[in-house]
Structure formats: C-alpha cells, structure tokens
C-alpha cells in the first residue's frame, strides 16, 4: 500500500509553528529561517487544500482545521518516535539536556536524577547551569528548571517542590519527560537513588547547541 503523505519537513514546520504560534520561534527551534518555515507551511496548505493558520500582523492563529490536523500530526510523530526507540539496540544511550537557573542547588538534584536513570536506563542526562527560557527557546536545552513562573506560547510551565519545570508542549507527554517530572516531584521510589548512579555532565557555561535528542522533537 502506498501512503499519500505530505513532505516530513512541511509537517515538522507546521507542528513547530502551531506549538509556538510563531514562525519565528519555530524557525529558531528547527535552525532555519522564518521565511523557510512560512514557505513549508504554505506548501502544506496548498497540498492539503486547507488553510491551517490565520495570519495576522504579528501573530499566527490555528484555524479549526489546523487544530484538528495538529492533534493527528502529533499522534503520528509520537508513534514514529516510539517505533524508532524500539529499534535501538539494548544499551544505546540518548541524551536529555536539562537547563537549570543560576541559583539552583545541582547537588540536591542528583538523587532525583538517579531515580530517573533507574526508570529510563537508556537515557543519559546533561545539566547546563546557568540556563533559562532563552536557551530553551533556542533549542540549546530540552527542558528548563526555572526559579519562577515563566509563560510562553507553546510551552508548559509546571510547579515543582523547588522551582518550575518548563518544556515544549510537543514533548510534554513523552515518557522521558513524564518520568523526569515524577522524579522531580518525588513520585518515584527513592530506592532507585541508592541502586543507580546517573551519568551526569554538569556544565557551568552557557549551553551549546544540543548534540542529540532523547525523543522526537520538532
């Protein structure tokens, strides 16, 4: 059976633009120009014969058709990510890059992250400090532990015992992020912190562009 599918780049551009409600921010995430994102979305709309965004002066808004399509596209991306992860040989490690604010006590974070490694043994962790919303928006880290509430379109900000966890809506329900959230909230058994040593790389300089992605993110 032959599947009639739009180009993957166009779907990635659409999902990122819909999550950020901004071609500019989607471009930052995908490391392309805003014009390239706009063109990919336009080509997708022409191919589908449906308008996905309502374009305003300094803002784009999803149409009802766009909202419906976005839910299915995210579901498809999640299925692809899960299928890809299942193909990886045992022991292959991916990377979750966590940014933390300057005054955050990293030593106290280690036990919680050891619990994460117990639950997600295939995922290594890198910590960059200091890092905040700016680094997250530029795609230099996967999630951020912030000192205070920070809201941004396309991102979820959730309270922790100390600080707030901020990450893209598109990856907020991925297994890695769900596990991280549970560990930071102390919902995972503490015995894991004793039996597992988490491979952490702590950077004190500004984070560089991430070398790999632990889950599908567009």
Protein backbone atom coordinates (compact mmCIF):
# COMPACT_ATOMS: atom_id res chain seq x y z
CA UNK A 1 0.00 0.00 0.00
CA UNK A 2 1.31 3.44 -0.94
CA UNK A 3 0.69 6.23 1.55
CA UNK A 4 -0.03 9.68 0.16
CA UNK A 5 1.80 11.80 2.70
CA UNK A 6 2.96 15.42 2.74
CA UNK A 7 6.73 16.03 2.99
CA UNK A 8 8.09 15.45 6.50
CA UNK A 9 9.79 18.86 6.59
CA UNK A 10 6.47 20.55 5.95
CA UNK A 11 4.83 18.59 8.76
CA UNK A 12 7.68 19.44 11.15
CA UNK A 13 7.39 23.12 10.25
CA UNK A 14 3.63 23.04 10.77
CA UNK A 15 3.86 21.29 14.17
CA UNK A 16 6.54 23.65 15.46
CA UNK A 17 4.73 26.75 14.20
CA UNK A 18 1.46 25.54 15.72
CA UNK A 19 3.11 24.85 19.07
CA UNK A 20 4.80 28.25 19.24
CA UNK A 21 2.09 30.14 17.33
CA UNK A 22 5.05 31.83 15.70
CA UNK A 23 7.00 31.17 12.52
CA UNK A 24 10.00 32.95 14.04
CA UNK A 25 10.17 30.76 17.13
CA UNK A 26 9.57 27.63 15.05
CA UNK A 27 12.49 28.71 12.88
CA UNK A 28 14.73 29.03 15.97
CA UNK A 29 13.83 25.50 17.02
CA UNK A 30 14.35 23.98 13.58
CA UNK A 31 17.50 26.02 12.89
CA UNK A 32 16.12 27.53 9.68
CA UNK A 33 14.80 30.95 8.71
CA UNK A 34 11.29 32.17 9.47
CA UNK A 35 10.79 32.50 5.72
CA UNK A 36 11.60 28.82 5.26
CA UNK A 37 9.03 27.83 7.88
CA UNK A 38 6.41 30.07 6.28
CA UNK A 39 7.11 28.57 2.87
CA UNK A 40 6.87 24.99 4.16
CA UNK A 41 3.57 25.73 5.86
CA UNK A 42 2.25 27.43 2.72
CA UNK A 43 3.23 24.43 0.60
CA UNK A 44 1.49 22.12 3.08
CA UNK A 45 -1.69 24.21 2.93
CA UNK A 46 -1.63 24.18 -0.86
CA UNK A 47 -1.15 20.42 -0.92
CA UNK A 48 -3.98 19.82 1.55
CA UNK A 49 -6.25 22.47 0.04
CA UNK A 50 -6.99 23.76 3.54
CA UNK A 51 -5.91 26.87 5.43
CA UNK A 52 -4.16 25.79 8.63
CA UNK A 53 -3.27 29.22 10.03
CA UNK A 54 -4.93 32.59 10.16
CA UNK A 55 -2.12 35.07 9.55
CA UNK A 56 -2.28 38.40 11.37
CA UNK A 57 0.17 41.30 11.57
CA UNK A 58 2.43 39.88 14.27
CA UNK A 59 0.75 36.60 15.05
CA UNK A 60 -0.48 33.36 13.52
CA UNK A 61 -3.53 31.53 14.87
CA UNK A 62 -4.62 27.99 14.12
CA UNK A 63 -7.85 27.59 12.22
CA UNK A 64 -10.29 24.90 13.33
CA UNK A 65 -8.92 22.66 10.58
CA UNK A 66 -5.40 23.39 11.79
CA UNK A 67 -6.25 22.41 15.37
CA UNK A 68 -7.78 19.13 14.23
CA UNK A 69 -4.82 18.34 11.96
CA UNK A 70 -2.30 19.24 14.67
CA UNK A 71 -3.67 16.64 17.09
CA UNK A 72 -3.32 13.88 14.49
CA UNK A 73 0.14 15.01 13.37
CA UNK A 74 1.40 14.96 16.97
CA UNK A 75 -0.05 11.49 17.43
CA UNK A 76 1.73 10.30 14.28
CA UNK A 77 5.04 11.84 15.40
CA UNK A 78 4.72 10.12 18.77
CA UNK A 79 4.13 6.77 17.08
CA UNK A 80 7.21 7.30 14.89
CA UNK A 81 9.30 8.20 17.93
CA UNK A 82 8.19 5.11 19.83
CA UNK A 83 8.81 2.83 16.84
CA UNK A 84 12.27 4.33 16.37
CA UNK A 85 13.14 3.89 20.05
CA UNK A 86 12.11 0.23 19.91
CA UNK A 87 14.60 -0.40 17.11
CA UNK A 88 17.58 0.84 19.11
CA UNK A 89 19.91 -1.91 20.34
CA UNK A 90 19.91 -2.52 24.09
CA UNK A 91 22.23 -0.19 25.93
CA UNK A 92 22.18 2.59 23.34
CA UNK A 93 22.01 5.86 25.24
CA UNK A 94 20.29 9.06 24.16
CA UNK A 95 20.62 12.42 25.85
CA UNK A 96 18.23 14.58 27.85
CA UNK A 97 19.67 18.08 28.24
CA UNK A 98 18.37 19.91 31.31
CA UNK A 99 18.96 23.60 31.92
CA UNK A 100 18.80 24.95 35.47
CA UNK A 101 18.77 28.51 36.79
CA UNK A 102 21.93 30.00 38.30
CA UNK A 103 20.99 29.66 41.98
CA UNK A 104 19.66 26.10 41.74
CA UNK A 105 21.41 23.54 44.01
CA UNK A 106 22.60 20.95 41.49
CA UNK A 107 23.90 18.58 44.18
CA UNK A 108 20.39 18.17 45.55
CA UNK A 109 19.18 17.31 42.06
CA UNK A 110 21.47 14.30 41.66
CA UNK A 111 19.45 11.90 43.82
CA UNK A 112 16.25 12.68 41.93
CA UNK A 113 18.02 12.18 38.60
CA UNK A 114 19.42 8.87 39.81
CA UNK A 115 15.82 7.76 40.16
CA UNK A 116 15.25 8.89 36.58
CA UNK A 117 18.13 6.69 35.38
CA UNK A 118 16.60 3.71 37.16
CA UNK A 119 13.36 4.20 35.23
CA UNK A 120 14.93 5.36 31.93
CA UNK A 121 18.24 3.49 31.79
CA UNK A 122 18.75 4.21 28.09
CA UNK A 123 18.75 7.97 28.61
CA UNK A 124 21.80 9.89 29.84
CA UNK A 125 21.47 13.32 31.38
CA UNK A 126 23.38 16.53 30.80
CA UNK A 127 22.94 19.55 33.05
CA UNK A 128 23.77 23.10 31.96
CA UNK A 129 23.92 25.89 34.51
CA UNK A 130 23.02 28.66 34.18
CA UNK A 131 20.31 28.21 31.58
CA UNK A 132 16.79 29.53 31.27
CA UNK A 133 13.90 30.21 28.94
CA UNK A 134 16.16 31.89 26.38
CA UNK A 135 18.27 28.73 25.95
CA UNK A 136 15.11 26.62 25.79
CA UNK A 137 13.61 28.76 23.02
CA UNK A 138 16.83 28.49 21.02
CA UNK A 139 16.80 24.69 21.29
CA UNK A 140 20.00 24.53 23.34
CA UNK A 141 18.35 22.50 26.12
CA UNK A 142 15.37 20.15 26.14
CA UNK A 143 13.74 21.38 29.36
CA UNK A 144 14.46 24.04 31.98
CA UNK A 145 14.12 24.15 35.76
CA UNK A 146 13.32 27.80 36.37
CA UNK A 147 13.29 29.80 39.60
CA UNK A 148 9.94 31.48 38.89
CA UNK A 149 6.86 31.08 36.73
CA UNK A 150 7.55 31.89 33.08
CA UNK A 151 4.84 31.65 30.45
CA UNK A 152 5.46 31.36 26.73
CA UNK A 153 3.15 30.22 23.88
CA UNK A 154 3.76 26.57 23.01
CA UNK A 155 5.45 25.75 26.33
CA UNK A 156 4.20 24.25 29.57
CA UNK A 157 5.26 25.61 32.96
CA UNK A 158 4.63 23.26 35.91
CA UNK A 159 5.37 23.77 39.62
CA UNK A 160 7.95 21.57 41.34
CA UNK A 161 8.90 21.26 45.00
CA UNK A 162 11.55 23.88 44.26
CA UNK A 163 11.13 25.91 41.09
CA UNK A 164 9.22 25.23 37.88
CA UNK A 165 9.71 22.76 35.04
CA UNK A 166 9.34 24.35 31.59
CA UNK A 167 9.31 22.43 28.33
CA UNK A 168 7.70 22.35 24.87
CA UNK A 169 4.07 21.24 24.73
CA UNK A 170 5.00 18.91 21.89
CA UNK A 171 7.20 16.77 24.15
CA UNK A 172 5.46 17.33 27.50
CA UNK A 173 3.77 13.92 27.38
CA UNK A 174 6.78 11.93 26.17
CA UNK A 175 7.77 9.08 28.53
CA UNK A 176 11.14 10.68 29.33
CA UNK A 177 9.58 13.97 30.36
CA UNK A 178 6.80 12.30 32.32
CA UNK A 179 9.39 10.27 34.22
CA UNK A 180 11.54 13.34 34.85
CA UNK A 181 8.52 15.22 36.17
CA UNK A 182 7.64 12.37 38.53
CA UNK A 183 11.21 12.12 39.81
CA UNK A 184 11.48 15.85 40.45
CA UNK A 185 8.21 15.72 42.37
CA UNK A 186 9.40 12.73 44.39
CA UNK A 187 6.80 10.34 42.97
CA UNK A 188 9.39 7.69 42.08
CA UNK A 189 10.67 5.36 44.79
CA UNK A 190 13.78 6.70 46.47
CA UNK A 191 15.42 3.26 46.49
CA UNK A 192 16.39 3.93 42.89
CA UNK A 193 18.67 6.71 44.07
CA UNK A 194 20.69 4.19 46.06
CA UNK A 195 20.98 1.46 43.44
CA UNK A 196 21.66 3.59 40.38
CA UNK A 197 24.35 6.09 39.51
CA UNK A 198 23.21 8.58 36.92
CA UNK A 199 25.73 9.67 34.26
CA UNK A 200 25.60 13.42 34.67
CA UNK A 201 27.60 16.02 32.81
CA UNK A 202 27.35 19.37 34.54
CA UNK A 203 28.23 22.45 32.51
CA UNK A 204 28.75 25.77 34.18
CA UNK A 205 28.99 27.76 30.96
CA UNK A 206 26.15 28.71 28.67
CA UNK A 207 24.81 25.57 26.96
CA UNK A 208 25.84 24.91 23.37
CA UNK A 209 23.51 23.53 20.76
CA UNK A 210 22.44 20.07 21.86
CA UNK A 211 24.27 17.26 20.04
CA UNK A 212 21.40 14.79 20.09
CA UNK A 213 17.76 14.42 21.08
CA UNK A 214 16.39 11.86 23.51
CA UNK A 215 12.92 11.89 21.98
CA UNK A 216 11.27 13.16 18.85
CA UNK A 217 11.03 16.92 18.99
CA UNK A 218 10.19 19.26 16.24
